[in-house]
């Protein structure tokens, strides 16, 4: 007797995999472009940092203006003032990041370094306290994350010039290789 689960979702999954297999080259192209972009971001990490900070600042300004406008559209409600103030804060911070991207990069790098350090310490404490299955991996993750945070903070404010672009480039590089491997795996799927 066959299970209705195997007939429905699995056949649908096969259909989706076949459709993806036919388009494998788009995933390969995306992966190659991400690898190229990631390599450039690592090589020109200062430029990548300034570009990312400026883009983030523009997003904050646009989001802040949308928040301000939406607070007036909502009419008289109890959250009007809070929504308006949040929108103004977004516009001011975003404007400062666009006007002074080096200082914005330094501030974001300080935040990222602190987040890594504190997050790593929490992971180490959780791994040592809870001792979950394979807790050594959690411990290793915490140690590496905390060390990364220490490295970023030890070189701050100079690390503010390149860390964001470097991390962005590394992320793009790994994502690119992930898409390349996925595309090659899809390409090698048997046809039915």
N, C-alpha and C. Protein backbone atom coordinates (compact mmCIF):
# COMPACT_ATOMS: atom_id res chain seq x y z
N UNK A 1 0.85 -1.17 0.00
CA UNK A 1 0.00 0.00 0.00
C UNK A 1 0.90 1.23 0.00
N UNK A 2 0.66 2.15 -0.90
CA UNK A 2 1.51 3.32 -1.00
C UNK A 2 0.94 4.45 -0.15
N UNK A 3 1.83 5.23 0.36
CA UNK A 3 1.43 6.35 1.21
C UNK A 3 1.00 7.53 0.35
N UNK A 4 -0.08 8.24 0.75
CA UNK A 4 -0.48 9.41 -0.01
C UNK A 4 0.58 10.52 0.06
N UNK A 5 1.37 10.50 1.13
CA UNK A 5 2.44 11.50 1.24
C UNK A 5 3.48 11.33 0.13
N UNK A 6 3.83 10.08 -0.16
CA UNK A 6 4.84 9.82 -1.19
C UNK A 6 4.32 10.14 -2.58
N UNK A 7 3.03 9.98 -2.80
CA UNK A 7 2.48 10.26 -4.13
C UNK A 7 2.39 11.76 -4.38
N UNK A 8 1.99 12.54 -3.39
CA UNK A 8 1.77 13.97 -3.59
C UNK A 8 3.05 14.79 -3.56
N UNK A 9 3.61 15.01 -2.37
CA UNK A 9 4.76 15.91 -2.27
C UNK A 9 6.00 15.44 -3.01
N UNK A 10 6.27 14.12 -3.00
CA UNK A 10 7.48 13.64 -3.65
C UNK A 10 7.39 13.81 -5.16
N UNK A 11 6.23 13.52 -5.74
CA UNK A 11 6.09 13.72 -7.18
C UNK A 11 6.16 15.20 -7.52
N UNK A 12 5.64 16.04 -6.65
CA UNK A 12 5.76 17.48 -6.86
C UNK A 12 7.20 17.94 -6.76
N UNK A 13 7.94 17.34 -5.83
CA UNK A 13 9.36 17.67 -5.68
C UNK A 13 10.15 17.24 -6.91
N UNK A 14 9.84 16.06 -7.45
CA UNK A 14 10.51 15.62 -8.67
C UNK A 14 10.25 16.59 -9.81
N UNK A 15 9.02 17.03 -9.90
CA UNK A 15 8.66 17.99 -10.96
C UNK A 15 9.44 19.30 -10.81
N UNK A 16 9.54 19.78 -9.58
CA UNK A 16 10.29 21.01 -9.34
C UNK A 16 11.77 20.83 -9.62
N UNK A 17 12.33 19.71 -9.21
CA UNK A 17 13.75 19.45 -9.48
C UNK A 17 14.02 19.37 -10.98
N UNK A 18 13.11 18.77 -11.72
CA UNK A 18 13.27 18.68 -13.18
C UNK A 18 13.23 20.08 -13.80
N UNK A 19 12.32 20.93 -13.31
CA UNK A 19 12.26 22.30 -13.83
C UNK A 19 13.54 23.06 -13.49
N UNK A 20 14.06 22.86 -12.29
CA UNK A 20 15.30 23.52 -11.89
C UNK A 20 16.48 22.98 -12.70
N UNK A 21 16.47 21.67 -12.98
CA UNK A 21 17.57 21.08 -13.73
C UNK A 21 17.66 21.68 -15.13
N UNK A 22 16.51 21.98 -15.72
CA UNK A 22 16.52 22.57 -17.06
C UNK A 22 17.11 23.99 -17.06
N UNK A 23 17.09 24.66 -15.92
CA UNK A 23 17.57 26.04 -15.83
C UNK A 23 18.86 26.14 -15.01
N UNK A 24 19.63 25.08 -14.92
CA UNK A 24 20.83 25.04 -14.08
C UNK A 24 21.83 26.11 -14.42
N UNK A 25 21.93 26.50 -15.68
CA UNK A 25 22.94 27.47 -16.10
C UNK A 25 22.70 28.85 -15.52
N UNK A 26 21.45 29.20 -15.19
CA UNK A 26 21.18 30.50 -14.56
C UNK A 26 21.78 30.55 -13.15
N UNK A 27 21.67 29.43 -12.46
CA UNK A 27 22.28 29.35 -11.13
C UNK A 27 23.80 29.42 -11.22
N UNK A 28 24.36 28.79 -12.24
CA UNK A 28 25.80 28.86 -12.47
C UNK A 28 26.23 30.30 -12.75
N UNK A 29 25.48 30.99 -13.59
CA UNK A 29 25.80 32.39 -13.91
C UNK A 29 25.71 33.26 -12.65
N UNK A 30 24.67 33.07 -11.86
CA UNK A 30 24.54 33.82 -10.61
C UNK A 30 25.73 33.56 -9.70
N UNK A 31 26.13 32.29 -9.58
CA UNK A 31 27.27 31.94 -8.74
C UNK A 31 28.55 32.58 -9.23
N UNK A 32 28.78 32.56 -10.54
CA UNK A 32 30.00 33.16 -11.09
C UNK A 32 30.01 34.66 -10.84
N UNK A 33 28.86 35.32 -11.04
CA UNK A 33 28.79 36.77 -10.79
C UNK A 33 29.03 37.10 -9.32
N UNK A 34 28.48 36.28 -8.42
CA UNK A 34 28.72 36.51 -6.99
C UNK A 34 30.19 36.28 -6.63
N UNK A 35 30.82 35.28 -7.23
CA UNK A 35 32.24 35.03 -6.97
C UNK A 35 33.08 36.21 -7.45
N UNK A 36 32.76 36.72 -8.64
CA UNK A 36 33.49 37.89 -9.16
C UNK A 36 33.26 39.10 -8.27
N UNK A 37 31.99 39.34 -7.91
CA UNK A 37 31.67 40.47 -7.03
C UNK A 37 32.32 40.34 -5.67
N UNK A 38 32.32 39.15 -5.11
CA UNK A 38 32.95 38.92 -3.81
C UNK A 38 34.45 39.12 -3.86
N UNK A 39 35.07 38.65 -4.94
CA UNK A 39 36.52 38.83 -5.10
C UNK A 39 36.85 40.31 -5.22
N UNK A 40 36.05 41.04 -5.98
CA UNK A 40 36.28 42.49 -6.11
C UNK A 40 36.06 43.21 -4.78
N UNK A 41 35.03 42.80 -4.04
CA UNK A 41 34.76 43.43 -2.75
C UNK A 41 35.89 43.17 -1.76
N UNK A 42 36.47 41.96 -1.80
CA UNK A 42 37.60 41.67 -0.92
C UNK A 42 38.82 42.48 -1.36
N UNK A 43 39.05 42.55 -2.67
CA UNK A 43 40.21 43.28 -3.18
C UNK A 43 40.10 44.78 -2.98
N UNK A 44 38.90 45.30 -3.06
CA UNK A 44 38.66 46.73 -2.88
C UNK A 44 37.73 46.92 -1.69
N UNK A 45 38.16 46.43 -0.53
CA UNK A 45 37.28 46.40 0.63
C UNK A 45 36.90 47.79 1.14
N UNK A 46 37.77 48.77 0.98
CA UNK A 46 37.42 50.13 1.43
C UNK A 46 36.29 50.68 0.55
N UNK A 47 36.42 50.52 -0.75
CA UNK A 47 35.37 50.99 -1.67
C UNK A 47 34.07 50.22 -1.42
N UNK A 48 34.16 48.92 -1.19
CA UNK A 48 32.96 48.11 -0.92
C UNK A 48 32.31 48.55 0.39
N UNK A 49 33.13 48.88 1.39
CA UNK A 49 32.59 49.36 2.66
C UNK A 49 31.84 50.66 2.47
N UNK A 50 32.46 51.62 1.78
CA UNK A 50 31.81 52.92 1.57
C UNK A 50 30.54 52.77 0.75
N UNK A 51 30.57 51.91 -0.25
CA UNK A 51 29.38 51.68 -1.07
C UNK A 51 28.26 51.08 -0.23
N UNK A 52 28.58 50.07 0.57
CA UNK A 52 27.57 49.42 1.40
C UNK A 52 26.99 50.38 2.43
N UNK A 53 27.84 51.18 3.05
CA UNK A 53 27.36 52.13 4.07
C UNK A 53 26.49 53.20 3.43
N UNK A 54 26.90 53.70 2.27
CA UNK A 54 26.11 54.71 1.58
C UNK A 54 24.76 54.13 1.16
N UNK A 55 24.77 52.92 0.63
CA UNK A 55 23.52 52.27 0.22
C UNK A 55 22.60 52.06 1.43
N UNK A 56 23.17 51.62 2.54
CA UNK A 56 22.39 51.43 3.76
C UNK A 56 21.82 52.76 4.25
N UNK A 57 22.61 53.82 4.16
CA UNK A 57 22.13 55.15 4.54
C UNK A 57 20.97 55.60 3.67
N UNK A 58 21.06 55.35 2.37
CA UNK A 58 19.97 55.72 1.46
C UNK A 58 18.71 54.93 1.80
N UNK A 59 18.87 53.64 2.10
CA UNK A 59 17.71 52.84 2.51
C UNK A 59 17.07 53.38 3.79
N UNK A 60 17.89 53.81 4.73
CA UNK A 60 17.35 54.39 5.97
C UNK A 60 16.59 55.69 5.69
N UNK A 61 17.13 56.52 4.81
CA UNK A 61 16.45 57.78 4.49
C UNK A 61 15.10 57.50 3.81
N UNK A 62 15.11 56.62 2.83
CA UNK A 62 13.86 56.29 2.13
C UNK A 62 12.85 55.66 3.10
N UNK A 63 13.32 54.71 3.91
CA UNK A 63 12.44 54.09 4.89
C UNK A 63 11.93 55.08 5.92
N UNK A 64 12.77 56.03 6.32
CA UNK A 64 12.36 57.06 7.27
C UNK A 64 11.28 57.96 6.71
N UNK A 65 11.46 58.38 5.46
CA UNK A 65 10.42 59.21 4.83
C UNK A 65 9.11 58.43 4.70
N UNK A 66 9.19 57.17 4.34
CA UNK A 66 7.98 56.34 4.25
C UNK A 66 7.31 56.22 5.62
N UNK A 67 8.10 56.08 6.66
CA UNK A 67 7.55 55.99 8.02
C UNK A 67 6.87 57.30 8.42
N UNK A 68 7.49 58.42 8.09
CA UNK A 68 6.91 59.72 8.42
C UNK A 68 5.58 59.90 7.70
N UNK A 69 5.57 59.62 6.40
CA UNK A 69 4.34 59.78 5.61
C UNK A 69 3.26 58.84 6.14
N UNK A 70 3.62 57.59 6.43
CA UNK A 70 2.61 56.64 6.90
C UNK A 70 2.08 57.02 8.28
N UNK A 71 2.89 57.69 9.09
CA UNK A 71 2.38 58.10 10.40
C UNK A 71 1.29 59.16 10.25
N UNK A 72 1.39 60.01 9.23
CA UNK A 72 0.33 61.01 9.00
C UNK A 72 -0.88 60.37 8.34
N UNK A 73 -0.68 59.36 7.49
CA UNK A 73 -1.80 58.69 6.83
C UNK A 73 -2.66 57.91 7.82
N UNK A 74 -2.05 57.45 8.87
CA UNK A 74 -2.78 56.63 9.84
C UNK A 74 -3.79 57.45 10.62
N UNK A 75 -3.72 58.75 10.53
CA UNK A 75 -4.67 59.60 11.24
C UNK A 75 -4.33 59.73 12.71
N UNK A 76 -5.33 60.02 13.48
CA UNK A 76 -5.12 60.21 14.91
C UNK A 76 -5.15 58.85 15.60
N UNK A 77 -3.98 58.39 15.98
CA UNK A 77 -3.89 57.14 16.71
C UNK A 77 -2.83 57.30 17.78
N UNK A 78 -2.82 56.44 18.73
CA UNK A 78 -1.94 56.61 19.89
C UNK A 78 -0.46 56.44 19.54
N UNK A 79 -0.14 55.76 18.45
CA UNK A 79 1.25 55.55 18.08
C UNK A 79 1.79 56.58 17.10
N UNK A 80 1.03 57.66 16.85
CA UNK A 80 1.45 58.65 15.86
C UNK A 80 2.81 59.25 16.20
N UNK A 81 2.97 59.73 17.42
CA UNK A 81 4.20 60.41 17.80
C UNK A 81 5.40 59.46 17.76
N UNK A 82 5.23 58.25 18.23
CA UNK A 82 6.30 57.26 18.22
C UNK A 82 6.70 56.92 16.78
N UNK A 83 5.73 56.74 15.92
CA UNK A 83 6.00 56.44 14.51
C UNK A 83 6.69 57.61 13.83
N UNK A 84 6.24 58.81 14.10
CA UNK A 84 6.85 60.01 13.53
C UNK A 84 8.30 60.17 13.99
N UNK A 85 8.55 59.98 15.28
CA UNK A 85 9.91 60.12 15.81
C UNK A 85 10.84 59.05 15.24
N UNK A 86 10.35 57.82 15.09
CA UNK A 86 11.16 56.75 14.51
C UNK A 86 11.53 57.10 13.07
N UNK A 87 10.57 57.63 12.31
CA UNK A 87 10.84 58.04 10.93
C UNK A 87 11.87 59.14 10.87
N UNK A 88 11.77 60.11 11.74
CA UNK A 88 12.74 61.21 11.78
C UNK A 88 14.13 60.67 12.15
N UNK A 89 14.18 59.75 13.11
CA UNK A 89 15.45 59.14 13.49
C UNK A 89 16.09 58.41 12.32
N UNK A 90 15.29 57.65 11.56
CA UNK A 90 15.81 56.95 10.38
C UNK A 90 16.38 57.94 9.37
N UNK A 91 15.66 59.02 9.12
CA UNK A 91 16.12 60.01 8.13
C UNK A 91 17.42 60.66 8.59
N UNK A 92 17.50 61.03 9.86
CA UNK A 92 18.69 61.69 10.38
C UNK A 92 19.91 60.75 10.34
N UNK A 93 19.75 59.53 10.83
CA UNK A 93 20.87 58.59 10.83
C UNK A 93 21.27 58.22 9.41
N UNK A 94 20.29 57.97 8.55
CA UNK A 94 20.59 57.66 7.16
C UNK A 94 21.28 58.81 6.46
N UNK A 95 20.82 60.03 6.72
CA UNK A 95 21.47 61.21 6.13
C UNK A 95 22.90 61.38 6.60
N UNK A 96 23.14 61.10 7.88
CA UNK A 96 24.50 61.19 8.40
C UNK A 96 25.40 60.13 7.77
N UNK A 97 24.85 58.94 7.53
CA UNK A 97 25.65 57.88 6.91
C UNK A 97 25.98 58.21 5.46
N UNK A 98 25.05 58.84 4.75
CA UNK A 98 25.30 59.22 3.37
C UNK A 98 26.30 60.38 3.32
N UNK A 99 26.14 61.34 4.23
CA UNK A 99 27.03 62.52 4.23
C UNK A 99 28.43 62.18 4.72
N UNK A 100 28.55 61.28 5.67
CA UNK A 100 29.85 60.91 6.26
C UNK A 100 30.00 59.40 6.30
N UNK A 101 30.20 58.76 5.14
CA UNK A 101 30.24 57.29 5.12
C UNK A 101 31.40 56.69 5.91
N UNK A 102 32.53 57.40 6.03
CA UNK A 102 33.64 56.86 6.82
C UNK A 102 33.26 56.74 8.29
N UNK A 103 32.62 57.78 8.82
CA UNK A 103 32.19 57.72 10.22
C UNK A 103 31.08 56.69 10.41
N UNK A 104 30.20 56.58 9.43
CA UNK A 104 29.16 55.56 9.49
C UNK A 104 29.76 54.16 9.49
N UNK A 105 30.79 53.96 8.67
CA UNK A 105 31.46 52.66 8.62
C UNK A 105 32.13 52.35 9.96
N UNK A 106 32.75 53.35 10.56
CA UNK A 106 33.38 53.13 11.87
C UNK A 106 32.34 52.75 12.91
N UNK A 107 31.20 53.45 12.92
CA UNK A 107 30.15 53.16 13.90
C UNK A 107 29.59 51.76 13.68
N UNK A 108 29.32 51.40 12.43
CA UNK A 108 28.79 50.06 12.15
C UNK A 108 29.80 48.98 12.50
N UNK A 109 31.08 49.24 12.23
CA UNK A 109 32.11 48.26 12.56
C UNK A 109 32.23 48.06 14.07
N UNK A 110 32.12 49.13 14.83
CA UNK A 110 32.12 49.02 16.29
C UNK A 110 30.94 48.17 16.75
N UNK A 111 29.79 48.40 16.14
CA UNK A 111 28.60 47.63 16.49
C UNK A 111 28.78 46.15 16.12
N UNK A 112 29.30 45.87 14.92
CA UNK A 112 29.50 44.49 14.47
C UNK A 112 30.53 43.79 15.36
N UNK A 113 31.65 44.46 15.65
CA UNK A 113 32.67 43.85 16.50
C UNK A 113 32.14 43.53 17.89
N UNK A 114 31.38 44.46 18.46
CA UNK A 114 30.79 44.24 19.78
C UNK A 114 29.78 43.10 19.75
N UNK A 115 28.99 43.05 18.68
CA UNK A 115 28.00 41.99 18.54
C UNK A 115 28.68 40.63 18.44
N UNK A 116 29.75 40.54 17.67
CA UNK A 116 30.48 39.28 17.54
C UNK A 116 31.09 38.85 18.88
N UNK A 117 31.69 39.80 19.59
CA UNK A 117 32.32 39.48 20.86
C UNK A 117 31.30 38.98 21.87
N UNK A 118 30.23 39.73 22.05
CA UNK A 118 29.21 39.35 23.03
C UNK A 118 28.50 38.07 22.60
N UNK A 119 28.15 37.96 21.32
CA UNK A 119 27.49 36.76 20.82
C UNK A 119 28.36 35.53 20.97
N UNK A 120 29.65 35.69 20.71
CA UNK A 120 30.58 34.57 20.88
C UNK A 120 30.69 34.13 22.33
N UNK A 121 30.76 35.09 23.23
CA UNK A 121 30.84 34.76 24.66
C UNK A 121 29.57 34.02 25.10
N UNK A 122 28.41 34.49 24.65
CA UNK A 122 27.16 33.82 24.99
C UNK A 122 27.13 32.39 24.46
N UNK A 123 27.64 32.17 23.24
CA UNK A 123 27.67 30.81 22.69
C UNK A 123 28.61 29.91 23.50
N UNK A 124 29.75 30.45 23.90
CA UNK A 124 30.69 29.66 24.70
C UNK A 124 30.05 29.27 26.04
N UNK A 125 29.43 30.23 26.69
CA UNK A 125 28.78 29.96 27.98
C UNK A 125 27.65 28.96 27.80
N UNK A 126 26.84 29.13 26.74
CA UNK A 126 25.73 28.20 26.50
C UNK A 126 26.24 26.80 26.22
N UNK A 127 27.29 26.69 25.43
CA UNK A 127 27.84 25.37 25.11
C UNK A 127 28.38 24.69 26.35
N UNK A 128 29.10 25.43 27.19
CA UNK A 128 29.68 24.85 28.39
C UNK A 128 28.61 24.52 29.44
N UNK A 129 27.55 25.30 29.48
CA UNK A 129 26.51 25.11 30.49
C UNK A 129 25.53 24.02 30.09
N UNK A 130 25.02 24.09 28.85
CA UNK A 130 23.96 23.17 28.43
C UNK A 130 24.48 21.81 27.98
N UNK A 131 25.65 21.77 27.40
CA UNK A 131 26.26 20.53 26.91
C UNK A 131 25.29 19.71 26.07
N UNK A 132 24.73 20.36 25.05
CA UNK A 132 23.84 19.70 24.12
C UNK A 132 24.61 18.70 23.26
N UNK A 133 23.87 17.91 22.50
CA UNK A 133 24.51 16.96 21.59
C UNK A 133 25.41 17.72 20.62
N UNK A 134 26.62 17.26 20.44
CA UNK A 134 27.63 17.94 19.60
C UNK A 134 27.91 19.36 20.11
N UNK A 135 27.97 19.52 21.41
CA UNK A 135 28.18 20.85 21.99
C UNK A 135 29.54 21.43 21.63
N UNK A 136 30.46 20.61 21.21
CA UNK A 136 31.78 21.10 20.83
C UNK A 136 31.72 22.04 19.64
N UNK A 137 30.79 21.78 18.72
CA UNK A 137 30.64 22.68 17.56
C UNK A 137 30.12 24.04 17.98
N UNK A 138 29.21 24.05 18.94
CA UNK A 138 28.70 25.32 19.45
C UNK A 138 29.82 26.08 20.16
N UNK A 139 30.63 25.34 20.92
CA UNK A 139 31.77 25.95 21.60
C UNK A 139 32.75 26.54 20.60
N UNK A 140 33.08 25.77 19.57
CA UNK A 140 34.00 26.25 18.53
C UNK A 140 33.43 27.48 17.83
N UNK A 141 32.15 27.45 17.51
CA UNK A 141 31.50 28.60 16.89
C UNK A 141 31.62 29.83 17.78
N UNK A 142 31.38 29.66 19.07
CA UNK A 142 31.47 30.78 20.00
C UNK A 142 32.88 31.33 20.12
N UNK A 143 33.86 30.43 20.19
CA UNK A 143 35.26 30.88 20.30
C UNK A 143 35.67 31.65 19.05
N UNK A 144 35.35 31.11 17.87
CA UNK A 144 35.72 31.78 16.62
C UNK A 144 35.02 33.12 16.50
N UNK A 145 33.73 33.17 16.83
CA UNK A 145 32.98 34.43 16.76
C UNK A 145 33.54 35.46 17.73
N UNK A 146 33.85 35.05 18.95
CA UNK A 146 34.41 35.98 19.94
C UNK A 146 35.79 36.48 19.50
N UNK A 147 36.62 35.58 18.97
CA UNK A 147 37.94 36.00 18.47
C UNK A 147 37.82 36.96 17.30
N UNK A 148 36.87 36.71 16.42
CA UNK A 148 36.63 37.62 15.31
C UNK A 148 36.22 39.00 15.83
N UNK A 149 35.35 39.01 16.83
CA UNK A 149 34.96 40.28 17.44
C UNK A 149 36.14 41.00 18.07
N UNK A 150 37.00 40.25 18.76
CA UNK A 150 38.20 40.85 19.37
C UNK A 150 39.13 41.43 18.30
N UNK A 151 39.31 40.70 17.20
CA UNK A 151 40.15 41.20 16.11
C UNK A 151 39.61 42.49 15.52
N UNK A 152 38.31 42.53 15.31
CA UNK A 152 37.69 43.74 14.75
C UNK A 152 37.83 44.90 15.72
N UNK A 153 37.58 44.67 16.99
CA UNK A 153 37.64 45.75 17.98
C UNK A 153 39.07 46.18 18.27
N UNK A 154 40.02 45.26 18.19
CA UNK A 154 41.41 45.61 18.47
C UNK A 154 41.96 46.61 17.44
N UNK A 155 41.47 46.53 16.22
CA UNK A 155 41.94 47.43 15.16
C UNK A 155 41.02 48.62 14.93
N UNK A 156 39.96 48.72 15.72
CA UNK A 156 39.02 49.82 15.55
C UNK A 156 39.67 51.11 16.00
N UNK A 157 39.53 52.25 15.35
CA UNK A 157 38.61 52.60 14.27
C UNK A 157 39.16 52.31 12.86
N UNK A 158 40.44 51.92 12.75
CA UNK A 158 40.99 51.65 11.42
C UNK A 158 40.27 50.51 10.72
N UNK A 159 39.81 49.52 11.48
CA UNK A 159 39.11 48.40 10.86
C UNK A 159 37.78 48.83 10.25
N UNK A 160 37.29 49.99 10.66
CA UNK A 160 36.04 50.51 10.10
C UNK A 160 36.13 50.81 8.62
N UNK A 161 37.35 50.99 8.12
CA UNK A 161 37.51 51.31 6.71
C UNK A 161 37.35 50.10 5.80
N UNK A 162 37.60 48.89 6.32
CA UNK A 162 37.60 47.73 5.42
C UNK A 162 36.78 46.54 5.88
N UNK A 163 36.41 46.47 7.14
CA UNK A 163 35.77 45.26 7.67
C UNK A 163 34.43 44.97 6.99
N UNK A 164 33.59 45.96 6.82
CA UNK A 164 32.27 45.72 6.24
C UNK A 164 32.42 45.22 4.81
N UNK A 165 33.27 45.85 4.02
CA UNK A 165 33.51 45.40 2.65
C UNK A 165 34.13 44.01 2.60
N UNK A 166 35.05 43.73 3.51
CA UNK A 166 35.68 42.42 3.57
C UNK A 166 34.65 41.34 3.92
N UNK A 167 33.84 41.57 4.94
CA UNK A 167 32.83 40.60 5.32
C UNK A 167 31.80 40.42 4.21
N UNK A 168 31.42 41.51 3.57
CA UNK A 168 30.49 41.43 2.44
C UNK A 168 31.08 40.60 1.31
N UNK A 169 32.35 40.84 1.01
CA UNK A 169 33.02 40.08 -0.04
C UNK A 169 33.12 38.60 0.28
N UNK A 170 33.46 38.28 1.52
CA UNK A 170 33.56 36.87 1.92
C UNK A 170 32.19 36.20 1.81
N UNK A 171 31.16 36.90 2.26
CA UNK A 171 29.81 36.35 2.16
C UNK A 171 29.41 36.13 0.71
N UNK A 172 29.69 37.08 -0.16
CA UNK A 172 29.37 36.93 -1.58
C UNK A 172 30.15 35.78 -2.20
N UNK A 173 31.39 35.63 -1.81
CA UNK A 173 32.23 34.55 -2.34
C UNK A 173 31.66 33.18 -1.96
N UNK A 174 31.31 33.00 -0.69
CA UNK A 174 30.75 31.72 -0.26
C UNK A 174 29.38 31.47 -0.88
N UNK A 175 28.56 32.52 -0.98
CA UNK A 175 27.26 32.35 -1.64
C UNK A 175 27.44 31.99 -3.10
N UNK A 176 28.40 32.61 -3.76
CA UNK A 176 28.66 32.30 -5.16
C UNK A 176 29.05 30.85 -5.36
N UNK A 177 29.96 30.35 -4.52
CA UNK A 177 30.37 28.95 -4.64
C UNK A 177 29.21 28.01 -4.31
N UNK A 178 28.33 28.43 -3.39
CA UNK A 178 27.15 27.62 -3.08
C UNK A 178 26.26 27.49 -4.32
N UNK A 179 26.03 28.61 -5.02
CA UNK A 179 25.19 28.58 -6.22
C UNK A 179 25.86 27.77 -7.34
N UNK A 180 27.18 27.89 -7.47
CA UNK A 180 27.88 27.10 -8.48
C UNK A 180 27.72 25.61 -8.20
N UNK A 181 27.93 25.20 -6.96
CA UNK A 181 27.80 23.79 -6.61
C UNK A 181 26.36 23.30 -6.78
N UNK A 182 25.39 24.15 -6.43
CA UNK A 182 23.99 23.79 -6.62
C UNK A 182 23.70 23.60 -8.11
N UNK A 183 24.19 24.51 -8.94
CA UNK A 183 23.93 24.40 -10.38
C UNK A 183 24.55 23.13 -10.95
N UNK A 184 25.77 22.80 -10.54
CA UNK A 184 26.40 21.59 -11.03
C UNK A 184 25.67 20.34 -10.52
N UNK A 185 25.16 20.40 -9.30
CA UNK A 185 24.38 19.29 -8.79
C UNK A 185 23.07 19.13 -9.55
N UNK A 186 22.42 20.24 -9.88
CA UNK A 186 21.20 20.18 -10.66
C UNK A 186 21.46 19.64 -12.06
N UNK A 187 22.55 20.07 -12.64
CA UNK A 187 22.91 19.63 -14.00
C UNK A 187 23.13 18.12 -14.07
N UNK A 188 23.67 17.57 -12.98
CA UNK A 188 23.99 16.15 -12.99
C UNK A 188 22.82 15.26 -12.60
N UNK A 189 21.67 15.85 -12.29
CA UNK A 189 20.50 15.04 -11.96
C UNK A 189 20.07 14.21 -13.16
N UNK A 190 19.65 12.99 -12.95
CA UNK A 190 19.19 12.17 -14.08
C UNK A 190 17.86 12.69 -14.62
N UNK A 191 17.68 12.56 -15.93
CA UNK A 191 16.42 12.97 -16.54
C UNK A 191 15.46 11.78 -16.50
N UNK A 192 14.19 12.12 -16.45
CA UNK A 192 13.21 11.03 -16.38
C UNK A 192 12.45 10.93 -17.68
